[in-house]
N, C-alpha and C. Protein backbone atom coordinates (compact mmCIF):
# COMPACT_ATOMS: atom_id res chain seq x y z
N UNK A 1 -6.59 -1.53 13.98
CA UNK A 1 -5.48 -1.14 14.81
C UNK A 1 -6.07 -0.50 16.06
N UNK A 2 -5.75 -1.08 17.19
CA UNK A 2 -6.28 -0.62 18.48
C UNK A 2 -5.15 -0.06 19.33
N UNK A 3 -5.29 1.19 19.74
CA UNK A 3 -4.29 1.85 20.59
C UNK A 3 -4.81 1.94 22.01
N UNK A 4 -3.97 1.58 22.98
CA UNK A 4 -4.39 1.70 24.38
C UNK A 4 -4.40 3.16 24.83
N UNK A 5 -5.46 3.51 25.54
CA UNK A 5 -5.62 4.88 26.04
C UNK A 5 -5.92 4.83 27.53
N UNK A 6 -5.44 5.83 28.23
CA UNK A 6 -5.71 5.96 29.66
C UNK A 6 -6.79 7.02 29.82
N UNK A 7 -7.86 6.65 30.52
CA UNK A 7 -8.97 7.57 30.81
C UNK A 7 -8.89 7.92 32.28
N UNK A 8 -8.56 9.16 32.57
CA UNK A 8 -8.42 9.64 33.95
C UNK A 8 -9.62 10.50 34.31
N UNK A 9 -10.41 10.07 35.30
CA UNK A 9 -11.56 10.88 35.71
C UNK A 9 -11.13 12.23 36.28
N UNK A 10 -11.86 13.26 35.90
CA UNK A 10 -11.60 14.60 36.45
C UNK A 10 -12.85 15.45 36.33
N UNK A 11 -13.33 15.97 37.45
CA UNK A 11 -14.49 16.88 37.49
C UNK A 11 -15.70 16.33 36.72
N UNK A 12 -15.99 15.06 36.87
CA UNK A 12 -17.15 14.47 36.20
C UNK A 12 -16.88 14.02 34.78
N UNK A 13 -15.77 14.45 34.22
CA UNK A 13 -15.40 14.07 32.86
C UNK A 13 -14.16 13.19 32.87
N UNK A 14 -13.49 13.12 31.74
CA UNK A 14 -12.30 12.29 31.61
C UNK A 14 -11.24 12.98 30.77
N UNK A 15 -9.99 12.89 31.23
CA UNK A 15 -8.85 13.26 30.40
C UNK A 15 -8.35 11.98 29.75
N UNK A 16 -7.97 12.05 28.49
CA UNK A 16 -7.55 10.87 27.75
C UNK A 16 -6.17 11.10 27.15
N UNK A 17 -5.30 10.11 27.29
CA UNK A 17 -3.98 10.17 26.69
C UNK A 17 -3.60 8.78 26.17
N UNK A 18 -2.67 8.77 25.23
CA UNK A 18 -2.20 7.54 24.60
C UNK A 18 -0.70 7.42 24.83
N UNK A 19 -0.27 6.31 25.40
CA UNK A 19 1.17 6.07 25.63
C UNK A 19 1.95 6.06 24.33
N UNK A 20 1.40 5.40 23.33
CA UNK A 20 2.13 5.20 22.08
C UNK A 20 2.10 6.43 21.16
N UNK A 21 1.08 7.23 21.30
CA UNK A 21 0.91 8.43 20.46
C UNK A 21 0.77 9.63 21.40
N UNK A 22 1.90 10.18 21.86
CA UNK A 22 1.83 11.25 22.86
C UNK A 22 1.14 12.53 22.36
N UNK A 23 1.03 12.69 21.04
CA UNK A 23 0.35 13.87 20.50
C UNK A 23 -1.16 13.80 20.71
N UNK A 24 -1.68 12.61 20.94
CA UNK A 24 -3.12 12.41 21.07
C UNK A 24 -3.54 12.60 22.53
N UNK A 25 -3.98 13.79 22.85
CA UNK A 25 -4.44 14.13 24.20
C UNK A 25 -5.78 14.83 24.04
N UNK A 26 -6.75 14.43 24.84
CA UNK A 26 -8.06 15.05 24.73
C UNK A 26 -8.82 14.86 26.04
N UNK A 27 -10.07 15.29 26.06
CA UNK A 27 -10.92 15.09 27.23
C UNK A 27 -12.36 15.00 26.77
N UNK A 28 -13.22 14.53 27.66
CA UNK A 28 -14.64 14.45 27.37
C UNK A 28 -15.45 14.77 28.59
N UNK A 29 -16.67 15.25 28.36
CA UNK A 29 -17.56 15.64 29.46
C UNK A 29 -18.04 14.44 30.26
N UNK A 30 -18.14 13.28 29.59
CA UNK A 30 -18.51 12.03 30.26
C UNK A 30 -17.77 10.92 29.51
N UNK A 31 -17.99 9.67 29.95
CA UNK A 31 -17.22 8.57 29.36
C UNK A 31 -17.48 8.42 27.86
N UNK A 32 -18.75 8.47 27.45
CA UNK A 32 -19.08 8.31 26.03
C UNK A 32 -18.49 9.43 25.19
N UNK A 33 -18.55 10.64 25.71
CA UNK A 33 -17.96 11.78 25.01
C UNK A 33 -16.44 11.61 24.93
N UNK A 34 -15.84 11.13 26.00
CA UNK A 34 -14.38 10.91 26.03
C UNK A 34 -13.96 9.86 25.00
N UNK A 35 -14.77 8.82 24.81
CA UNK A 35 -14.47 7.80 23.80
C UNK A 35 -14.47 8.43 22.41
N UNK A 36 -15.49 9.21 22.11
CA UNK A 36 -15.57 9.87 20.80
C UNK A 36 -14.42 10.85 20.60
N UNK A 37 -14.11 11.60 21.63
CA UNK A 37 -13.00 12.55 21.54
C UNK A 37 -11.66 11.82 21.38
N UNK A 38 -11.53 10.67 22.03
CA UNK A 38 -10.30 9.88 21.92
C UNK A 38 -10.11 9.38 20.49
N UNK A 39 -11.19 8.89 19.88
CA UNK A 39 -11.10 8.45 18.47
C UNK A 39 -10.67 9.59 17.58
N UNK A 40 -11.26 10.75 17.80
CA UNK A 40 -10.93 11.92 16.98
C UNK A 40 -9.48 12.36 17.21
N UNK A 41 -9.04 12.39 18.46
CA UNK A 41 -7.67 12.81 18.77
C UNK A 41 -6.65 11.84 18.17
N UNK A 42 -6.94 10.55 18.23
CA UNK A 42 -6.04 9.56 17.66
C UNK A 42 -5.94 9.74 16.15
N UNK A 43 -7.07 9.90 15.50
CA UNK A 43 -7.08 10.10 14.05
C UNK A 43 -6.37 11.40 13.67
N UNK A 44 -6.67 12.46 14.38
CA UNK A 44 -6.06 13.76 14.09
C UNK A 44 -4.55 13.72 14.30
N UNK A 45 -4.10 13.01 15.30
CA UNK A 45 -2.66 12.95 15.58
C UNK A 45 -1.89 12.25 14.46
N UNK A 46 -2.55 11.38 13.71
CA UNK A 46 -1.87 10.71 12.60
C UNK A 46 -1.39 11.73 11.56
N UNK A 47 -2.12 12.82 11.42
CA UNK A 47 -1.72 13.87 10.48
C UNK A 47 -0.32 14.40 10.78
N UNK A 48 0.02 14.51 12.06
CA UNK A 48 1.35 15.02 12.43
C UNK A 48 2.45 14.12 11.87
N UNK A 49 2.25 12.82 11.97
CA UNK A 49 3.25 11.87 11.48
C UNK A 49 3.36 11.93 9.96
N UNK A 50 2.24 12.02 9.29
CA UNK A 50 2.25 12.08 7.83
C UNK A 50 2.85 13.39 7.34
N UNK A 51 2.50 14.50 7.96
CA UNK A 51 3.03 15.79 7.56
C UNK A 51 4.54 15.87 7.77
N UNK A 52 5.02 15.30 8.88
CA UNK A 52 6.45 15.34 9.20
C UNK A 52 7.21 14.16 8.60
N UNK A 53 6.52 13.27 7.92
CA UNK A 53 7.11 12.07 7.33
C UNK A 53 7.90 11.29 8.40
N UNK A 54 7.19 11.01 9.52
CA UNK A 54 7.76 10.24 10.63
C UNK A 54 7.01 8.93 10.75
N UNK A 55 7.72 7.88 11.18
CA UNK A 55 7.07 6.59 11.41
C UNK A 55 6.05 6.72 12.53
N UNK A 56 4.92 6.08 12.32
CA UNK A 56 3.87 6.05 13.33
C UNK A 56 4.16 4.86 14.26
N UNK A 57 4.24 5.11 15.56
CA UNK A 57 4.45 3.98 16.48
C UNK A 57 3.29 3.00 16.42
N UNK A 58 3.62 1.73 16.40
CA UNK A 58 2.60 0.69 16.43
C UNK A 58 2.05 0.59 17.85
N UNK A 59 0.80 0.17 17.98
CA UNK A 59 0.21 0.08 19.32
C UNK A 59 0.86 -1.01 20.16
N UNK A 60 1.04 -0.71 21.43
CA UNK A 60 1.57 -1.69 22.37
C UNK A 60 0.40 -2.43 23.03
N UNK A 61 0.72 -3.43 23.80
CA UNK A 61 -0.31 -4.16 24.54
C UNK A 61 -0.93 -3.23 25.59
N UNK A 62 -2.23 -3.35 25.75
CA UNK A 62 -2.91 -2.54 26.76
C UNK A 62 -2.47 -2.97 28.15
N UNK A 63 -2.30 -1.99 29.00
CA UNK A 63 -1.99 -2.25 30.40
C UNK A 63 -3.29 -2.17 31.20
N UNK A 64 -3.23 -2.65 32.41
CA UNK A 64 -4.41 -2.64 33.26
C UNK A 64 -4.98 -1.23 33.37
N UNK A 65 -6.28 -1.12 33.19
CA UNK A 65 -6.95 0.18 33.30
C UNK A 65 -7.03 0.96 32.00
N UNK A 66 -6.35 0.48 30.96
CA UNK A 66 -6.39 1.19 29.68
C UNK A 66 -7.55 0.67 28.83
N UNK A 67 -8.02 1.53 27.93
CA UNK A 67 -9.12 1.22 27.03
C UNK A 67 -8.55 1.22 25.62
N UNK A 68 -8.95 0.25 24.80
CA UNK A 68 -8.47 0.19 23.42
C UNK A 68 -9.35 1.08 22.54
N UNK A 69 -8.69 1.95 21.77
CA UNK A 69 -9.39 2.87 20.88
C UNK A 69 -8.97 2.52 19.46
N UNK A 70 -9.95 2.36 18.58
CA UNK A 70 -9.68 1.89 17.23
C UNK A 70 -9.34 3.03 16.27
N UNK A 71 -8.31 2.77 15.49
CA UNK A 71 -7.96 3.64 14.36
C UNK A 71 -8.64 3.03 13.14
N UNK A 72 -9.34 3.82 12.32
CA UNK A 72 -10.03 3.24 11.16
C UNK A 72 -9.09 2.41 10.28
N UNK A 73 -9.63 1.33 9.73
CA UNK A 73 -8.83 0.42 8.91
C UNK A 73 -8.20 1.13 7.71
N UNK A 74 -8.92 2.08 7.12
CA UNK A 74 -8.38 2.80 5.97
C UNK A 74 -7.14 3.62 6.35
N UNK A 75 -7.16 4.16 7.55
CA UNK A 75 -6.01 4.92 8.04
C UNK A 75 -4.89 3.96 8.43
N UNK A 76 -5.23 2.85 9.04
CA UNK A 76 -4.24 1.84 9.41
C UNK A 76 -3.45 1.39 8.17
N UNK A 77 -4.14 1.15 7.07
CA UNK A 77 -3.47 0.73 5.84
C UNK A 77 -2.48 1.79 5.37
N UNK A 78 -2.87 3.04 5.46
CA UNK A 78 -1.97 4.13 5.04
C UNK A 78 -0.80 4.27 6.01
N UNK A 79 -1.04 4.02 7.30
CA UNK A 79 0.04 4.04 8.28
C UNK A 79 1.09 2.98 7.94
N UNK A 80 0.61 1.78 7.61
CA UNK A 80 1.54 0.71 7.24
C UNK A 80 2.36 1.09 6.01
N UNK A 81 1.72 1.72 5.04
CA UNK A 81 2.43 2.17 3.84
C UNK A 81 3.46 3.23 4.19
N UNK A 82 3.06 4.25 4.95
CA UNK A 82 3.98 5.30 5.35
C UNK A 82 5.18 4.73 6.08
N UNK A 83 4.93 3.88 7.06
CA UNK A 83 6.03 3.31 7.85
C UNK A 83 6.99 2.52 6.98
N UNK A 84 6.47 1.79 6.02
CA UNK A 84 7.35 1.01 5.15
C UNK A 84 8.14 1.92 4.21
N UNK A 85 7.52 2.97 3.73
CA UNK A 85 8.24 3.94 2.88
C UNK A 85 9.40 4.56 3.66
N UNK A 86 9.15 4.93 4.90
CA UNK A 86 10.18 5.53 5.73
C UNK A 86 11.27 4.51 6.03
N UNK A 87 10.86 3.30 6.38
CA UNK A 87 11.82 2.23 6.69
C UNK A 87 12.78 1.99 5.53
N UNK A 88 12.24 2.02 4.31
CA UNK A 88 13.05 1.75 3.12
C UNK A 88 13.61 3.01 2.49
N UNK A 89 13.31 4.18 3.09
CA UNK A 89 13.77 5.46 2.55
C UNK A 89 13.31 5.66 1.10
N UNK A 90 12.02 5.41 0.87
CA UNK A 90 11.42 5.54 -0.46
C UNK A 90 10.61 6.83 -0.50
N UNK A 91 10.89 7.66 -1.47
CA UNK A 91 10.15 8.92 -1.63
C UNK A 91 8.86 8.68 -2.41
N UNK A 92 7.99 9.67 -2.40
CA UNK A 92 6.77 9.60 -3.19
C UNK A 92 7.10 9.43 -4.67
N UNK A 93 8.13 10.13 -5.13
CA UNK A 93 8.52 10.05 -6.54
C UNK A 93 8.97 8.63 -6.88
N UNK A 94 9.77 8.02 -6.02
CA UNK A 94 10.25 6.66 -6.27
C UNK A 94 9.09 5.68 -6.26
N UNK A 95 8.17 5.82 -5.30
CA UNK A 95 7.02 4.92 -5.25
C UNK A 95 6.16 5.11 -6.50
N UNK A 96 5.98 6.34 -6.93
CA UNK A 96 5.21 6.60 -8.15
C UNK A 96 5.81 5.87 -9.35
N UNK A 97 7.13 5.87 -9.46
CA UNK A 97 7.79 5.14 -10.55
C UNK A 97 7.50 3.65 -10.44
N UNK A 98 7.57 3.12 -9.23
CA UNK A 98 7.38 1.68 -9.02
C UNK A 98 5.97 1.21 -9.34
N UNK A 99 4.97 2.07 -9.13
CA UNK A 99 3.59 1.65 -9.40
C UNK A 99 3.04 2.31 -10.67
N UNK A 100 3.93 3.01 -11.38
CA UNK A 100 3.61 3.59 -12.69
C UNK A 100 2.45 4.58 -12.63
N UNK A 101 2.57 5.54 -11.70
CA UNK A 101 1.61 6.63 -11.61
C UNK A 101 2.38 7.94 -11.47
N UNK A 102 1.68 9.04 -11.58
CA UNK A 102 2.30 10.34 -11.36
C UNK A 102 2.54 10.55 -9.87
N UNK A 103 3.57 11.31 -9.50
CA UNK A 103 3.85 11.57 -8.08
C UNK A 103 2.65 12.17 -7.33
N UNK A 104 1.82 12.94 -8.03
CA UNK A 104 0.64 13.52 -7.39
C UNK A 104 -0.31 12.43 -6.90
N UNK A 105 -0.36 11.31 -7.62
CA UNK A 105 -1.23 10.21 -7.20
C UNK A 105 -0.73 9.61 -5.88
N UNK A 106 0.59 9.50 -5.73
CA UNK A 106 1.14 8.98 -4.47
C UNK A 106 0.86 9.95 -3.34
N UNK A 107 0.88 11.25 -3.63
CA UNK A 107 0.53 12.23 -2.61
C UNK A 107 -0.90 12.01 -2.13
N UNK A 108 -1.80 11.67 -3.05
CA UNK A 108 -3.19 11.39 -2.66
C UNK A 108 -3.27 10.08 -1.86
N UNK A 109 -2.51 9.08 -2.29
CA UNK A 109 -2.52 7.80 -1.59
C UNK A 109 -2.08 7.97 -0.14
N UNK A 110 -1.09 8.83 0.09
CA UNK A 110 -0.55 9.02 1.44
C UNK A 110 -1.21 10.19 2.18
N UNK A 111 -2.29 10.70 1.64
CA UNK A 111 -3.03 11.78 2.29
C UNK A 111 -4.20 11.17 3.06
N UNK A 112 -4.24 11.37 4.36
CA UNK A 112 -5.29 10.79 5.19
C UNK A 112 -6.67 11.34 4.87
N UNK A 113 -6.73 12.53 4.32
CA UNK A 113 -8.02 13.14 3.99
C UNK A 113 -8.58 12.67 2.65
N UNK A 114 -7.80 11.91 1.91
CA UNK A 114 -8.23 11.43 0.60
C UNK A 114 -8.60 9.96 0.69
N UNK A 115 -9.78 9.61 0.20
CA UNK A 115 -10.19 8.21 0.17
C UNK A 115 -9.39 7.48 -0.89
N UNK A 116 -8.83 6.35 -0.50
CA UNK A 116 -8.02 5.55 -1.42
C UNK A 116 -8.52 4.12 -1.38
N UNK A 117 -8.69 3.51 -2.56
CA UNK A 117 -9.11 2.12 -2.62
C UNK A 117 -8.06 1.25 -1.96
N UNK A 118 -8.50 0.24 -1.25
CA UNK A 118 -7.60 -0.66 -0.56
C UNK A 118 -6.68 -1.37 -1.55
N UNK A 119 -7.18 -1.65 -2.76
CA UNK A 119 -6.35 -2.28 -3.79
C UNK A 119 -5.17 -1.40 -4.18
N UNK A 120 -5.38 -0.10 -4.19
CA UNK A 120 -4.30 0.84 -4.52
C UNK A 120 -3.23 0.82 -3.44
N UNK A 121 -3.66 0.81 -2.20
CA UNK A 121 -2.70 0.76 -1.09
C UNK A 121 -1.95 -0.57 -1.12
N UNK A 122 -2.66 -1.65 -1.38
CA UNK A 122 -2.02 -2.97 -1.47
C UNK A 122 -0.99 -2.99 -2.60
N UNK A 123 -1.31 -2.38 -3.71
CA UNK A 123 -0.37 -2.33 -4.84
C UNK A 123 0.88 -1.54 -4.46
N UNK A 124 0.70 -0.44 -3.75
CA UNK A 124 1.84 0.37 -3.32
C UNK A 124 2.72 -0.41 -2.34
N UNK A 125 2.10 -1.10 -1.42
CA UNK A 125 2.86 -1.90 -0.44
C UNK A 125 3.59 -3.04 -1.15
N UNK A 126 2.94 -3.64 -2.13
CA UNK A 126 3.57 -4.69 -2.92
C UNK A 126 4.79 -4.17 -3.66
N UNK A 127 4.72 -2.94 -4.16
CA UNK A 127 5.84 -2.33 -4.86
C UNK A 127 7.04 -2.10 -3.93
N UNK A 128 6.79 -2.16 -2.63
CA UNK A 128 7.86 -2.03 -1.64
C UNK A 128 8.39 -3.40 -1.22
N UNK A 129 7.92 -4.44 -1.91
CA UNK A 129 8.39 -5.79 -1.62
C UNK A 129 7.71 -6.45 -0.43
N UNK A 130 6.59 -5.90 -0.03
CA UNK A 130 5.83 -6.45 1.10
C UNK A 130 4.48 -6.94 0.61
N UNK A 131 3.84 -7.74 1.43
CA UNK A 131 2.51 -8.25 1.10
C UNK A 131 1.51 -7.67 2.08
N UNK A 132 0.42 -7.14 1.55
CA UNK A 132 -0.64 -6.58 2.37
C UNK A 132 -1.70 -7.65 2.55
N UNK A 133 -2.05 -7.96 3.80
CA UNK A 133 -3.03 -8.99 4.10
C UNK A 133 -4.14 -8.42 4.97
N UNK A 134 -5.35 -8.85 4.70
CA UNK A 134 -6.50 -8.55 5.56
C UNK A 134 -6.93 -9.85 6.22
N UNK A 135 -7.26 -9.77 7.50
CA UNK A 135 -7.69 -10.97 8.22
C UNK A 135 -8.85 -10.62 9.14
N UNK A 136 -9.66 -11.61 9.38
CA UNK A 136 -10.70 -11.50 10.38
C UNK A 136 -10.28 -12.43 11.50
N UNK A 137 -10.15 -11.88 12.70
CA UNK A 137 -9.72 -12.69 13.84
C UNK A 137 -10.78 -12.70 14.92
């Protein structure tokens, strides 16, 4: 998942912002530092959506002058799960029933700080009536 970011030069460094994820704002001392800070800000901002149980906006097409910043695939998979749960108004308890686990396990699945096997996320998405696909393009 690649999010477009605007890198604005300022005092030898860069200010970075994301149109789709307004919570992700950062800066860097130089371009390489700004890239690393942008990745961190994007990842950190996902916590806000998960904590507030809000849908994460999907990335839009990059506009001229924007740089694409990657969200880790493991986080992307959890974003897709969260968004589908919200779309269908499915609670952690209901999802736990559907995949036959304790509600605490679903809390771990939807926790960005917890490593979750991709098969587990795929099973949860399948329980929501959707199919999880991985592709190389």
